[in-house]
């Protein structure tokens, strides 16, 4: 019996060759392949994993060594950027429920390329949210720096927040759904936005300008709900009266 180290489709394999069949160990799984299949095995390390091969006759293959993900190739980065730029346009035009196949077509890539970079719609929205979260965090710091009274500070902060998350139609409802869902690709971005809101709320609370027991997470849920209503309405809603209800409920009078 001979042991050979190789990979098929980017997965590290260890072959135990006999005269009839070969038992292939792929990580913790076993598959039965033919000798012809074994002959097609080639060294093809994935970006995430590189197999340290030991294919001499003196001993078995070395164990798989985990590596950090490699940077994207130049062509992969170009495709990634084209998909994001196109998605930003299409989502602005038609909302975040737009066809992903249309985004791929307009970006000049195949659907498979899009799904390799963004396996789900939420993953694509999450990538687009990066600059949103950066701006939201900056706006929170800017709101605190104004030194305005609580009511004015909160109304300005909440209006800017809603402007950001309603930039692409349909995004606000996805953000609301992801806010309490750790399994969502958008959850970490939602945490960044929640932390930004908490900084503003905590700042005012420490100054004694809020009612006792105000919870920053619940305030974020209320404001995100206002954003979802505005985002899904067929009318051009003025969000300020709705935000005033929220603010007047938490500011000390």
Protein backbone atom coordinates (compact mmCIF):
# COMPACT_ATOMS: atom_id res chain seq x y z
CA UNK A 1 0.00 0.00 0.00
CA UNK A 2 1.30 3.49 -0.92
CA UNK A 3 0.29 6.80 0.68
CA UNK A 4 0.16 9.90 -1.56
CA UNK A 5 -0.60 13.51 -0.55
CA UNK A 6 -2.56 15.66 -3.00
CA UNK A 7 -5.72 17.75 -3.42
CA UNK A 8 -8.84 17.60 -5.59
CA UNK A 9 -10.86 20.79 -6.17
CA UNK A 10 -8.78 22.56 -3.59
CA UNK A 11 -9.38 20.05 -0.77
CA UNK A 12 -6.40 18.32 0.88
CA UNK A 13 -6.50 14.54 0.43
CA UNK A 14 -4.57 11.54 1.66
CA UNK A 15 -4.70 8.47 -0.62
CA UNK A 16 -4.12 4.91 0.57
CA UNK A 17 -3.61 3.09 -2.73
CA UNK A 18 -4.38 -0.62 -3.21
CA UNK A 19 -4.72 -2.71 -6.38
CA UNK A 20 -8.57 -2.28 -6.60
CA UNK A 21 -9.77 0.91 -4.95
CA UNK A 22 -8.44 3.83 -2.99
CA UNK A 23 -9.88 5.03 0.31
CA UNK A 24 -9.56 8.82 0.34
CA UNK A 25 -9.53 10.68 3.63
CA UNK A 26 -10.66 14.30 3.22
CA UNK A 27 -10.39 15.93 6.61
CA UNK A 28 -12.76 13.76 8.71
CA UNK A 29 -14.70 12.28 5.76
CA UNK A 30 -14.04 9.17 3.63
CA UNK A 31 -14.98 8.66 0.00
CA UNK A 32 -14.43 5.75 -2.39
CA UNK A 33 -12.80 6.70 -5.69
CA UNK A 34 -11.47 4.82 -8.67
CA UNK A 35 -7.82 4.62 -9.69
CA UNK A 36 -8.65 6.92 -12.63
CA UNK A 37 -9.94 9.58 -10.23
CA UNK A 38 -6.81 9.24 -8.14
CA UNK A 39 -4.70 9.90 -11.22
CA UNK A 40 -6.40 13.27 -11.66
CA UNK A 41 -5.42 14.55 -8.23
CA UNK A 42 -3.21 17.62 -8.46
CA UNK A 43 -1.70 20.06 -6.06
CA UNK A 44 -4.24 22.91 -5.98
CA UNK A 45 -4.23 24.63 -2.59
CA UNK A 46 -7.21 26.84 -1.74
CA UNK A 47 -6.71 30.42 -0.54
CA UNK A 48 -7.65 29.36 2.97
CA UNK A 49 -5.74 26.07 3.32
CA UNK A 50 -2.38 24.87 2.05
CA UNK A 51 -1.46 21.22 2.33
CA UNK A 52 2.09 20.59 3.39
CA UNK A 53 2.85 17.71 1.07
CA UNK A 54 5.25 14.84 1.79
CA UNK A 55 4.99 12.70 -1.32
CA UNK A 56 8.32 10.87 -1.20
CA UNK A 57 8.47 7.10 -0.87
CA UNK A 58 10.13 7.46 2.54
CA UNK A 59 6.97 8.34 4.50
CA UNK A 60 3.36 9.49 4.52
CA UNK A 61 2.11 12.94 3.62
CA UNK A 62 2.42 15.61 6.26
CA UNK A 63 -0.69 16.94 7.98
CA UNK A 64 -2.67 19.85 6.48
CA UNK A 65 -1.46 23.21 7.75
CA UNK A 66 -4.04 25.99 8.20
CA UNK A 67 -3.01 29.31 6.71
CA UNK A 68 -4.55 32.77 6.82
CA UNK A 69 -6.66 33.63 3.76
CA UNK A 70 -4.48 34.89 0.94
CA UNK A 71 -5.14 38.30 -0.59
CA UNK A 72 -7.41 38.22 -3.64
CA UNK A 73 -5.78 37.91 -7.04
CA UNK A 74 -5.95 41.09 -9.08
CA UNK A 75 -8.69 39.75 -11.37
CA UNK A 76 -10.75 38.53 -8.41
CA UNK A 77 -10.45 41.93 -6.72
CA UNK A 78 -11.57 43.67 -9.92
CA UNK A 79 -14.64 41.42 -10.12
CA UNK A 80 -15.38 41.97 -6.43
CA UNK A 81 -15.21 45.74 -6.84
CA UNK A 82 -17.33 45.69 -10.01
CA UNK A 83 -20.03 43.65 -8.30
CA UNK A 84 -20.13 46.01 -5.32
CA UNK A 85 -20.24 49.14 -7.49
CA UNK A 86 -23.04 47.67 -9.62
CA UNK A 87 -25.00 46.44 -6.59
CA UNK A 88 -24.84 49.93 -5.10
CA UNK A 89 -26.44 51.35 -8.27
CA UNK A 90 -29.05 48.60 -8.69
CA UNK A 91 -30.05 48.63 -5.02
CA UNK A 92 -30.47 52.40 -5.17
CA UNK A 93 -32.61 52.10 -8.29
CA UNK A 94 -34.73 49.10 -7.33
CA UNK A 95 -34.04 48.16 -3.72
CA UNK A 96 -32.14 45.36 -2.04
CA UNK A 97 -34.54 42.70 -3.34
CA UNK A 98 -33.33 43.29 -6.91
CA UNK A 99 -32.24 40.31 -8.98
CA UNK A 100 -28.69 39.19 -8.17
CA UNK A 101 -28.42 37.72 -11.67
CA UNK A 102 -29.12 41.17 -13.07
CA UNK A 103 -26.37 42.63 -10.90
CA UNK A 104 -23.95 40.00 -12.20
CA UNK A 105 -24.96 40.71 -15.81
CA UNK A 106 -24.58 44.48 -15.44
CA UNK A 107 -21.24 44.00 -13.69
CA UNK A 108 -20.01 41.89 -16.60
CA UNK A 109 -19.42 38.73 -14.56
CA UNK A 110 -21.13 35.35 -14.43
CA UNK A 111 -23.63 34.48 -11.68
CA UNK A 112 -21.15 31.93 -10.33
CA UNK A 113 -18.54 34.66 -9.82
CA UNK A 114 -21.04 36.77 -7.88
CA UNK A 115 -22.06 33.86 -5.66
CA UNK A 116 -18.44 32.90 -4.98
CA UNK A 117 -17.85 36.37 -3.54
CA UNK A 118 -21.31 36.79 -1.99
CA UNK A 119 -23.04 33.46 -1.27
CA UNK A 120 -26.24 35.21 -0.06
CA UNK A 121 -28.06 38.48 -0.63
CA UNK A 122 -27.36 39.38 3.00
CA UNK A 123 -23.61 38.93 2.42
CA UNK A 124 -23.76 41.44 -0.46
CA UNK A 125 -25.76 43.94 1.60
CA UNK A 126 -23.28 43.45 4.44
CA UNK A 127 -20.36 44.38 2.17
CA UNK A 128 -22.19 47.53 1.06
CA UNK A 129 -22.83 48.45 4.68
CA UNK A 130 -19.15 48.93 5.48
CA UNK A 131 -19.06 52.59 4.49
CA UNK A 132 -22.46 53.11 6.15
CA UNK A 133 -21.19 51.89 9.49
CA UNK A 134 -18.10 54.07 9.20
CA UNK A 135 -20.25 57.15 8.59
CA UNK A 136 -22.72 56.23 11.35
CA UNK A 137 -19.90 55.90 13.87
CA UNK A 138 -18.48 59.28 12.80
CA UNK A 139 -21.92 60.91 13.04
CA UNK A 140 -22.36 59.65 16.60
CA UNK A 141 -19.08 61.26 17.64
CA UNK A 142 -20.03 64.46 15.81
CA UNK A 143 -23.42 64.57 17.57
CA UNK A 144 -21.76 64.28 20.98
CA UNK A 145 -19.24 66.98 20.06
CA UNK A 146 -21.99 69.52 19.29
CA UNK A 147 -22.88 69.85 22.96
CA UNK A 148 -26.50 70.54 22.03
CA UNK A 149 -29.35 69.94 24.48
CA UNK A 150 -30.56 66.34 24.55
CA UNK A 151 -33.65 66.82 22.37
CA UNK A 152 -31.84 68.60 19.56
CA UNK A 153 -28.85 66.26 19.73
CA UNK A 154 -30.99 63.13 19.53
CA UNK A 155 -33.20 64.40 16.69
CA UNK A 156 -30.15 65.32 14.61
CA UNK A 157 -28.42 62.02 15.35
CA UNK A 158 -31.51 59.91 14.59
CA UNK A 159 -32.22 61.75 11.32
CA UNK A 160 -28.66 61.16 10.11
CA UNK A 161 -28.88 57.51 11.13
CA UNK A 162 -32.10 57.01 9.16
CA UNK A 163 -30.60 58.74 6.13
CA UNK A 164 -27.81 56.18 6.13
CA UNK A 165 -29.84 53.00 6.51
CA UNK A 166 -32.54 54.00 4.01
CA UNK A 167 -30.03 54.83 1.28
CA UNK A 168 -30.91 51.56 -0.48
CA UNK A 169 -34.59 50.66 -0.51
CA UNK A 170 -35.26 47.52 1.51
CA UNK A 171 -32.05 47.74 3.54
CA UNK A 172 -33.68 49.11 6.70
CA UNK A 173 -35.88 46.06 7.20
CA UNK A 174 -32.89 43.73 6.69
CA UNK A 175 -30.91 45.69 9.25
CA UNK A 176 -33.80 45.46 11.72
CA UNK A 177 -33.98 41.69 11.20
CA UNK A 178 -30.22 41.26 11.61
CA UNK A 179 -29.94 43.38 14.74
CA UNK A 180 -30.81 40.49 17.05
CA UNK A 181 -29.63 37.64 14.82
CA UNK A 182 -26.00 36.64 15.50
CA UNK A 183 -26.16 34.20 12.55
CA UNK A 184 -26.78 37.02 10.05
CA UNK A 185 -23.82 38.22 7.94
CA UNK A 186 -24.92 41.77 8.83
CA UNK A 187 -24.91 41.23 12.59
CA UNK A 188 -21.43 42.64 13.21
CA UNK A 189 -22.22 45.78 11.23
CA UNK A 190 -25.43 46.17 13.22
CA UNK A 191 -23.38 45.92 16.39
CA UNK A 192 -21.18 48.79 15.21
CA UNK A 193 -24.26 50.94 14.63
CA UNK A 194 -25.79 49.90 17.96
CA UNK A 195 -22.56 50.79 19.76
CA UNK A 196 -22.54 54.21 18.06
CA UNK A 197 -26.08 54.85 19.29
CA UNK A 198 -25.14 53.64 22.77
CA UNK A 199 -22.35 56.22 22.96
CA UNK A 200 -24.83 59.03 22.31
CA UNK A 201 -27.40 57.66 24.77
CA UNK A 202 -24.78 57.00 27.47
CA UNK A 203 -23.35 60.51 27.03
CA UNK A 204 -26.75 62.12 27.64
CA UNK A 205 -27.61 59.70 30.43
CA UNK A 206 -24.40 60.52 32.29
CA UNK A 207 -25.33 64.21 32.07
CA UNK A 208 -28.71 63.42 33.62
CA UNK A 209 -30.68 64.50 30.54
CA UNK A 210 -32.62 61.26 30.01
CA UNK A 211 -35.41 59.60 31.94
CA UNK A 212 -34.34 56.79 34.29
CA UNK A 213 -34.07 53.32 32.77
CA UNK A 214 -33.62 54.31 29.11
CA UNK A 215 -32.19 51.29 27.26
CA UNK A 216 -30.01 52.14 24.25
CA UNK A 217 -30.82 48.86 22.47
CA UNK A 218 -34.57 49.50 22.67
CA UNK A 219 -34.08 53.04 21.45
CA UNK A 220 -32.18 51.67 18.45
CA UNK A 221 -35.01 49.23 17.71
CA UNK A 222 -37.56 52.06 17.81
CA UNK A 223 -35.53 54.31 15.51
CA UNK A 224 -34.84 51.43 13.12
CA UNK A 225 -38.59 50.74 13.09
CA UNK A 226 -39.22 54.33 12.05
CA UNK A 227 -36.63 53.88 9.30
CA UNK A 228 -38.37 50.70 8.07
CA UNK A 229 -41.74 52.48 7.93
CA UNK A 230 -40.25 55.34 5.92
CA UNK A 231 -38.34 52.93 3.69
CA UNK A 232 -41.34 50.81 2.74
CA UNK A 233 -43.90 53.61 2.42
CA UNK A 234 -45.08 54.58 -1.06
CA UNK A 235 -45.44 58.16 0.18
CA UNK A 236 -42.63 60.56 1.00
CA UNK A 237 -42.90 60.41 4.77
CA UNK A 238 -41.44 63.03 7.06
CA UNK A 239 -39.74 61.01 9.79
CA UNK A 240 -39.24 63.92 12.16
CA UNK A 241 -42.70 63.79 13.82
CA UNK A 242 -42.21 60.06 14.48
CA UNK A 243 -38.75 60.68 15.87
CA UNK A 244 -40.10 63.44 18.11
CA UNK A 245 -42.43 60.88 19.71
CA UNK A 246 -39.42 58.66 20.47
CA UNK A 247 -37.27 61.52 21.74
CA UNK A 248 -39.94 63.08 23.90
CA UNK A 249 -40.46 59.67 25.52
CA UNK A 250 -36.87 59.37 26.71
CA UNK A 251 -35.71 62.95 27.40
CA UNK A 252 -36.12 64.25 30.94
CA UNK A 253 -38.51 67.22 31.09
